Amino acid sequence: MTMEPDTVVQILLRERMRVTAAAAAVVRDVHAADDIFQAVVLGALEHCTRFHEPDHVLAWSLRAARHRAVDLARRRHLRTLPDDVLDLLEAKWDDPTGPHESDRAEALHRCLGKLTGSAKTLLNLRYADGLAANAIAGKLRRSADAVYQNLSRVHRALRACVEREMSRIHGPGGVPV
């Protein structure tokens, strides 16, 4: 029995972070990874008669995202991770037993929303724009050391916030409340 297009879209939206992260790990560009996710959704809808279960949709989507990302990276003349490393990553991404990854992503999203404007700017420059600390320092008229220290502080704050959110959702020890 084949899957309905609505079901395929629901699965992909639920797994959006995982599929987008798979693409972003290769192209190192979150905007390109979002574009790749959209192309994967369209491709899945074109092939939805081939899918018979949710795990098949996820596996196909992760593989499609990987291939599209590698193609884009090659067109942009980016060095990609070796295939054996991508194989290991793909096995991890495809593991449905991963502990509450969508909960962790939602927690991170909530925590990012709590950051100050300057912390958000710093993270955007580093990760969305892909700038190195020296380039960020030049843009913000700070020392590279100050940028490293600020990034470190923001990372620690995000880690602590995500851990608090996860314990609120799952209780101590990761047991769902």
Protein backbone atom coordinates (compact mmCIF):
# COMPACT_ATOMS: atom_id res chain seq x y z
CA MET A 1 0.00 0.00 0.00
CA THR A 2 1.47 3.35 -1.06
CA MET A 3 1.52 6.46 1.10
CA GLU A 4 -0.66 9.49 0.55
CA PRO A 5 1.09 12.76 -0.36
CA ASP A 6 -0.25 14.42 2.81
CA THR A 7 1.32 11.70 4.93
CA VAL A 8 4.66 12.07 3.14
CA VAL A 9 4.63 15.84 3.74
CA GLN A 10 3.76 15.35 7.42
CA ILE A 11 6.68 12.95 7.85
CA LEU A 12 9.07 15.33 6.13
CA LEU A 13 7.91 18.33 8.15
CA ARG A 14 8.36 16.34 11.36
CA GLU A 15 11.88 15.35 10.25
CA ARG A 16 12.76 18.71 8.71
CA MET A 17 15.59 19.45 11.15
CA ARG A 18 17.24 16.09 10.52
CA VAL A 19 17.05 16.34 6.72
CA THR A 20 18.15 19.99 6.70
CA ALA A 21 21.03 19.22 9.07
CA ALA A 22 22.17 16.44 6.76
CA ALA A 23 22.38 18.91 3.88
CA ALA A 24 23.94 21.66 6.01
CA ALA A 25 26.70 19.32 7.17
CA VAL A 26 27.80 18.99 3.56
CA VAL A 27 27.24 22.48 2.12
CA ARG A 28 27.88 24.42 5.36
CA ASP A 29 25.19 26.92 4.40
CA VAL A 30 21.87 26.91 6.24
CA HIS A 31 20.07 28.80 3.49
CA ALA A 32 21.21 26.34 0.84
CA ALA A 33 20.25 23.48 3.18
CA ASP A 34 16.71 24.91 3.42
CA ASP A 35 16.55 25.09 -0.37
CA ILE A 36 17.72 21.49 -0.55
CA PHE A 37 15.03 20.44 1.94
CA GLN A 38 12.36 22.08 -0.24
CA ALA A 39 13.69 20.28 -3.31
CA VAL A 40 13.67 16.99 -1.38
CA VAL A 41 10.01 17.54 -0.41
CA LEU A 42 9.10 18.16 -4.05
CA GLY A 43 11.06 15.07 -5.11
CA ALA A 44 9.35 12.97 -2.44
CA LEU A 45 5.95 14.10 -3.64
CA GLU A 46 6.88 13.07 -7.19
CA HIS A 47 7.91 9.62 -5.88
CA CYS A 48 5.31 9.13 -3.12
CA THR A 49 3.86 6.08 -4.86
CA ARG A 50 7.17 4.29 -4.12
CA PHE A 51 6.93 4.79 -0.35
CA HIS A 52 5.25 2.17 1.80
CA GLU A 53 6.28 3.20 5.32
CA PRO A 54 7.52 6.30 7.18
CA ASP A 55 11.05 4.93 7.68
CA HIS A 56 11.39 4.55 3.91
CA VAL A 57 10.41 8.22 3.40
CA LEU A 58 13.02 9.32 5.94
CA ALA A 59 15.78 7.11 4.53
CA TRP A 60 15.04 8.26 0.97
CA SER A 61 14.93 11.91 2.05
CA LEU A 62 18.24 11.75 3.88
CA ARG A 63 19.91 10.09 0.91
CA ALA A 64 18.37 12.62 -1.52
CA ALA A 65 19.47 15.53 0.69
CA ARG A 66 22.99 14.13 0.84
CA HIS A 67 23.25 13.75 -2.93
CA ARG A 68 21.79 17.19 -3.64
CA ALA A 69 24.13 18.75 -1.07
CA VAL A 70 27.20 17.04 -2.51
CA ASP A 71 26.20 18.18 -6.01
CA LEU A 72 25.78 21.76 -4.81
CA ALA A 73 29.07 21.68 -2.92
CA ARG A 74 30.86 20.48 -6.05
CA ARG A 75 29.25 23.20 -8.16
CA ARG A 76 30.45 25.75 -5.60
CA HIS A 77 33.90 24.13 -5.55
CA LEU A 78 33.65 23.36 -1.82
CA ARG A 79 35.60 20.52 -0.30
CA THR A 80 33.17 17.95 1.03
CA LEU A 81 33.64 15.39 3.72
CA PRO A 82 34.98 12.04 2.48
CA ASP A 83 32.34 9.49 1.49
CA ASP A 84 33.19 7.18 4.40
CA VAL A 85 32.56 10.03 6.86
CA LEU A 86 29.30 10.91 5.11
CA ASP A 87 28.30 7.23 5.31
CA LEU A 88 28.87 7.26 9.08
CA LEU A 89 26.91 10.49 9.46
CA GLU A 90 24.09 9.19 7.31
CA ALA A 91 23.83 6.06 9.45
CA LYS A 92 23.50 8.29 12.51
CA TRP A 93 20.93 10.56 10.83
CA ASP A 94 18.89 7.58 9.71
CA ASP A 95 18.78 6.07 13.21
CA PRO A 96 15.15 6.42 14.37
CA THR A 97 16.16 5.50 17.93
CA GLY A 98 18.01 8.80 18.36
CA PRO A 99 16.95 10.26 21.70
CA HIS A 100 14.25 12.87 21.14
CA GLU A 101 16.10 14.82 18.45
CA SER A 102 13.01 16.80 17.47
CA ASP A 103 12.50 17.73 21.15
CA ARG A 104 16.12 18.87 21.38
CA ALA A 105 15.74 20.93 18.19
CA GLU A 106 12.57 22.56 19.55
CA ALA A 107 14.33 23.29 22.84
CA LEU A 108 17.23 24.88 20.97
CA HIS A 109 14.79 26.97 18.92
CA ARG A 110 13.11 28.23 22.11
CA CYS A 111 16.51 28.99 23.66
CA LEU A 112 17.67 30.87 20.58
CA GLY A 113 14.56 33.02 20.91
CA LYS A 114 15.62 33.99 24.45
CA LEU A 115 19.02 35.34 23.38
CA THR A 116 19.83 39.03 23.40
CA GLY A 117 20.04 40.90 20.12
CA SER A 118 23.83 41.06 20.25
CA ALA A 119 24.10 37.31 20.89
CA LYS A 120 21.78 36.61 17.95
CA THR A 121 23.84 38.92 15.74
CA LEU A 122 27.02 37.15 16.77
CA LEU A 123 25.56 33.70 16.01
CA ASN A 124 24.16 34.88 12.68
CA LEU A 125 27.53 36.25 11.62
CA ARG A 126 29.28 33.03 12.65
CA TYR A 127 26.84 30.38 11.43
CA ALA A 128 24.39 31.90 8.94
CA ASP A 129 27.00 34.06 7.23
CA GLY A 130 29.82 31.58 7.87
CA LEU A 131 32.30 34.21 9.02
CA ALA A 132 35.41 33.32 11.00
CA ALA A 133 36.10 35.01 14.32
CA ASN A 134 38.65 37.39 12.76
CA ALA A 135 36.13 38.57 10.18
CA ILE A 136 33.45 38.99 12.86
CA ALA A 137 35.92 40.97 14.98
CA GLY A 138 36.55 43.32 12.05
CA LYS A 139 32.84 43.82 11.42
CA LEU A 140 32.03 44.43 15.09
CA ARG A 141 35.22 46.39 15.80
CA ARG A 142 36.25 44.03 18.57
CA SER A 143 39.28 41.84 19.11
CA ALA A 144 39.17 38.27 17.86
CA ASP A 145 39.74 37.15 21.46
CA ALA A 146 36.60 39.04 22.56
CA VAL A 147 34.61 37.39 19.78
CA TYR A 148 35.86 33.93 20.83
CA GLN A 149 34.96 34.65 24.46
CA ASN A 150 31.49 35.93 23.52
CA LEU A 151 30.82 32.92 21.29
CA SER A 152 31.93 30.62 24.08
CA ARG A 153 29.59 32.37 26.54
CA VAL A 154 26.67 32.12 24.13
CA HIS A 155 27.37 28.41 23.49
CA ARG A 156 27.49 27.70 27.24
CA ALA A 157 24.25 29.61 27.80
CA LEU A 158 22.53 27.73 24.97
CA ARG A 159 23.76 24.38 26.27
CA ALA A 160 22.47 25.15 29.78
CA CYS A 161 19.15 26.39 28.41
CA VAL A 162 18.65 23.32 26.21
CA GLU A 163 19.47 21.02 29.14
CA ARG A 164 16.90 22.86 31.32
CA GLU A 165 14.29 22.63 28.56
CA MET A 166 14.97 18.93 27.99
CA SER A 167 14.73 18.13 31.70
CA ARG A 168 11.48 20.10 31.85
CA ILE A 169 10.10 18.03 28.95
CA HIS A 170 11.59 14.63 29.80
CA GLY A 171 12.30 14.87 33.51
CA PRO A 172 15.57 13.92 35.14
CA GLY A 173 17.47 11.22 33.28
CA GLY A 174 15.55 11.73 30.04
CA VAL A 175 12.37 9.98 31.19
CA PRO A 176 9.31 11.60 29.58
CA VAL A 177 7.15 13.46 32.07
